[in-house]
Amino acid sequence: MKYRYKRHITNTLLYAIIISAIMAILKEYSHVGMIIFAVVSILALSADRWVENKYLKELEDKDISPKS
């Protein structure tokens, strides 16, 4: 579980760095492009977090009974 949490934080930071770099490039050319990219980026991060939360909830809901 700890590994998955660290991986999720790393992925989120990586997304933020990439998004910041692309937004800086787009800002030089078009404000409309920057706004569209920001909306898409927020949706992508939200979807990533939603999938992660759904997966963790499925793990919690599983009833692991000890083998006898």
N, C-alpha and C. Protein backbone atom coordinates (compact mmCIF):
# COMPACT_ATOMS: atom_id res chain seq x y z
N MET A 1 0.83 -1.19 0.00
CA MET A 1 0.00 0.00 0.00
C MET A 1 0.87 1.25 0.00
N LYS A 2 1.95 1.23 0.77
CA LYS A 2 2.84 2.38 0.85
C LYS A 2 3.47 2.66 -0.52
N TYR A 3 3.83 1.59 -1.24
CA TYR A 3 4.43 1.76 -2.57
C TYR A 3 3.45 2.44 -3.52
N ARG A 4 2.18 2.01 -3.49
CA ARG A 4 1.17 2.59 -4.38
C ARG A 4 0.98 4.07 -4.06
N TYR A 5 1.01 4.43 -2.78
CA TYR A 5 0.82 5.82 -2.38
C TYR A 5 1.98 6.68 -2.89
N LYS A 6 3.21 6.18 -2.73
CA LYS A 6 4.38 6.93 -3.21
C LYS A 6 4.35 7.06 -4.73
N ARG A 7 3.94 5.99 -5.41
CA ARG A 7 3.87 6.02 -6.87
C ARG A 7 2.83 7.04 -7.33
N HIS A 8 1.72 7.12 -6.61
CA HIS A 8 0.67 8.07 -6.98
C HIS A 8 1.16 9.51 -6.81
N ILE A 9 1.87 9.78 -5.72
CA ILE A 9 2.41 11.13 -5.50
C ILE A 9 3.42 11.47 -6.59
N THR A 10 4.28 10.51 -6.94
CA THR A 10 5.28 10.73 -7.98
C THR A 10 4.61 11.03 -9.31
N ASN A 11 3.58 10.25 -9.66
CA ASN A 11 2.87 10.49 -10.91
C ASN A 11 2.22 11.86 -10.92
N THR A 12 1.61 12.26 -9.82
CA THR A 12 0.96 13.57 -9.75
C THR A 12 1.98 14.69 -9.91
N LEU A 13 3.13 14.57 -9.27
CA LEU A 13 4.17 15.59 -9.42
C LEU A 13 4.70 15.64 -10.85
N LEU A 14 4.87 14.47 -11.46
CA LEU A 14 5.33 14.41 -12.84
C LEU A 14 4.32 15.08 -13.77
N TYR A 15 3.03 14.80 -13.57
CA TYR A 15 1.99 15.45 -14.37
C TYR A 15 2.06 16.96 -14.20
N ALA A 16 2.23 17.42 -12.97
CA ALA A 16 2.27 18.85 -12.70
C ALA A 16 3.44 19.52 -13.41
N ILE A 17 4.60 18.88 -13.40
CA ILE A 17 5.79 19.44 -14.07
C ILE A 17 5.57 19.51 -15.58
N ILE A 18 5.06 18.42 -16.16
CA ILE A 18 4.82 18.39 -17.60
C ILE A 18 3.76 19.42 -17.99
N ILE A 19 2.69 19.50 -17.21
CA ILE A 19 1.62 20.46 -17.50
C ILE A 19 2.16 21.89 -17.41
N SER A 20 2.97 22.18 -16.40
CA SER A 20 3.53 23.52 -16.25
C SER A 20 4.41 23.89 -17.44
N ALA A 21 5.23 22.94 -17.89
CA ALA A 21 6.12 23.20 -19.03
C ALA A 21 5.32 23.46 -20.30
N ILE A 22 4.33 22.63 -20.57
CA ILE A 22 3.54 22.81 -21.80
C ILE A 22 2.71 24.09 -21.73
N MET A 23 2.18 24.40 -20.54
CA MET A 23 1.41 25.64 -20.40
C MET A 23 2.30 26.86 -20.62
N ALA A 24 3.55 26.80 -20.17
CA ALA A 24 4.47 27.92 -20.39
C ALA A 24 4.74 28.11 -21.88
N ILE A 25 4.87 27.00 -22.61
CA ILE A 25 5.08 27.09 -24.06
C ILE A 25 3.83 27.64 -24.74
N LEU A 26 2.66 27.12 -24.36
CA LEU A 26 1.41 27.57 -24.99
C LEU A 26 1.11 29.03 -24.67
N LYS A 27 1.54 29.49 -23.51
CA LYS A 27 1.26 30.88 -23.12
C LYS A 27 1.90 31.86 -24.09
N GLU A 28 3.04 31.49 -24.65
CA GLU A 28 3.72 32.36 -25.61
C GLU A 28 2.91 32.51 -26.90
N TYR A 29 2.11 31.50 -27.22
CA TYR A 29 1.43 31.50 -28.51
C TYR A 29 -0.05 31.84 -28.41
N SER A 30 -0.75 31.23 -27.44
CA SER A 30 -2.20 31.39 -27.43
C SER A 30 -2.76 31.22 -26.02
N HIS A 31 -3.54 32.20 -25.60
CA HIS A 31 -4.19 32.10 -24.29
C HIS A 31 -5.33 31.10 -24.34
N VAL A 32 -5.98 30.99 -25.49
CA VAL A 32 -7.08 30.03 -25.63
C VAL A 32 -6.54 28.61 -25.52
N GLY A 33 -5.41 28.34 -26.16
CA GLY A 33 -4.79 27.02 -26.08
C GLY A 33 -4.40 26.67 -24.65
N MET A 34 -3.92 27.67 -23.92
CA MET A 34 -3.52 27.45 -22.53
C MET A 34 -4.74 27.09 -21.68
N ILE A 35 -5.85 27.78 -21.90
CA ILE A 35 -7.06 27.51 -21.13
C ILE A 35 -7.59 26.12 -21.44
N ILE A 36 -7.62 25.76 -22.73
CA ILE A 36 -8.10 24.43 -23.12
C ILE A 36 -7.20 23.36 -22.51
N PHE A 37 -5.89 23.55 -22.58
CA PHE A 37 -4.96 22.56 -22.03
C PHE A 37 -5.11 22.45 -20.52
N ALA A 38 -5.33 23.57 -19.85
CA ALA A 38 -5.50 23.54 -18.39
C ALA A 38 -6.75 22.73 -18.02
N VAL A 39 -7.84 22.93 -18.75
CA VAL A 39 -9.07 22.19 -18.46
C VAL A 39 -8.86 20.70 -18.68
N VAL A 40 -8.23 20.34 -19.81
CA VAL A 40 -7.97 18.93 -20.10
C VAL A 40 -7.05 18.32 -19.05
N SER A 41 -6.04 19.07 -18.61
CA SER A 41 -5.11 18.57 -17.60
C SER A 41 -5.82 18.32 -16.27
N ILE A 42 -6.68 19.24 -15.88
CA ILE A 42 -7.42 19.06 -14.63
C ILE A 42 -8.32 17.84 -14.71
N LEU A 43 -8.98 17.66 -15.86
CA LEU A 43 -9.83 16.48 -16.05
C LEU A 43 -9.00 15.19 -15.99
N ALA A 44 -7.81 15.21 -16.60
CA ALA A 44 -6.95 14.01 -16.59
C ALA A 44 -6.50 13.67 -15.18
N LEU A 45 -6.10 14.68 -14.41
CA LEU A 45 -5.68 14.43 -13.03
C LEU A 45 -6.85 13.94 -12.17
N SER A 46 -8.03 14.51 -12.40
CA SER A 46 -9.20 14.07 -11.65
C SER A 46 -9.54 12.63 -11.97
N ALA A 47 -9.44 12.26 -13.25
CA ALA A 47 -9.73 10.88 -13.65
C ALA A 47 -8.72 9.92 -13.03
N ASP A 48 -7.44 10.32 -13.01
CA ASP A 48 -6.40 9.48 -12.42
C ASP A 48 -6.68 9.25 -10.93
N ARG A 49 -7.04 10.30 -10.24
CA ARG A 49 -7.33 10.20 -8.81
C ARG A 49 -8.59 9.36 -8.58
N TRP A 50 -9.60 9.53 -9.45
CA TRP A 50 -10.85 8.78 -9.31
C TRP A 50 -10.59 7.28 -9.49
N VAL A 51 -9.78 6.93 -10.50
CA VAL A 51 -9.46 5.52 -10.74
C VAL A 51 -8.70 4.94 -9.55
N GLU A 52 -7.74 5.71 -9.02
CA GLU A 52 -6.96 5.25 -7.87
C GLU A 52 -7.87 5.02 -6.66
N ASN A 53 -8.76 5.97 -6.39
CA ASN A 53 -9.68 5.83 -5.25
C ASN A 53 -10.62 4.65 -5.43
N LYS A 54 -11.09 4.45 -6.66
CA LYS A 54 -11.98 3.32 -6.93
C LYS A 54 -11.26 2.00 -6.69
N TYR A 55 -10.00 1.92 -7.14
CA TYR A 55 -9.21 0.70 -6.95
C TYR A 55 -8.98 0.43 -5.45
N LEU A 56 -8.63 1.47 -4.70
CA LEU A 56 -8.39 1.30 -3.27
C LEU A 56 -9.68 0.90 -2.54
N LYS A 57 -10.81 1.45 -2.96
CA LYS A 57 -12.09 1.08 -2.33
C LYS A 57 -12.41 -0.38 -2.61
N GLU A 58 -12.13 -0.85 -3.83
CA GLU A 58 -12.36 -2.26 -4.16
C GLU A 58 -11.49 -3.16 -3.29
N LEU A 59 -10.25 -2.74 -3.03
CA LEU A 59 -9.38 -3.53 -2.16
C LEU A 59 -9.92 -3.59 -0.74
N GLU A 60 -10.43 -2.47 -0.25
CA GLU A 60 -10.97 -2.43 1.11
C GLU A 60 -12.24 -3.28 1.23
N ASP A 61 -13.04 -3.31 0.16
CA ASP A 61 -14.31 -4.05 0.20
C ASP A 61 -14.13 -5.56 0.14
N LYS A 62 -12.99 -6.01 -0.36
CA LYS A 62 -12.76 -7.45 -0.45
C LYS A 62 -12.62 -8.03 0.96
N ASP A 63 -13.30 -9.13 1.17
CA ASP A 63 -13.24 -9.80 2.47
C ASP A 63 -12.19 -10.90 2.37
N ILE A 64 -11.06 -10.68 3.01
CA ILE A 64 -9.98 -11.67 2.97
C ILE A 64 -10.08 -12.51 4.23
N SER A 65 -10.54 -13.74 4.06
CA SER A 65 -10.67 -14.62 5.22
C SER A 65 -9.45 -15.52 5.31
N PRO A 66 -8.97 -15.78 6.52
CA PRO A 66 -7.79 -16.64 6.67
C PRO A 66 -8.09 -18.08 6.28
N LYS A 67 -7.13 -18.70 5.65
CA LYS A 67 -7.30 -20.11 5.25
C LYS A 67 -7.21 -20.99 6.48
N SER A 68 -8.11 -21.97 6.56
CA SER A 68 -8.10 -22.86 7.73
C SER A 68 -7.72 -24.26 7.35
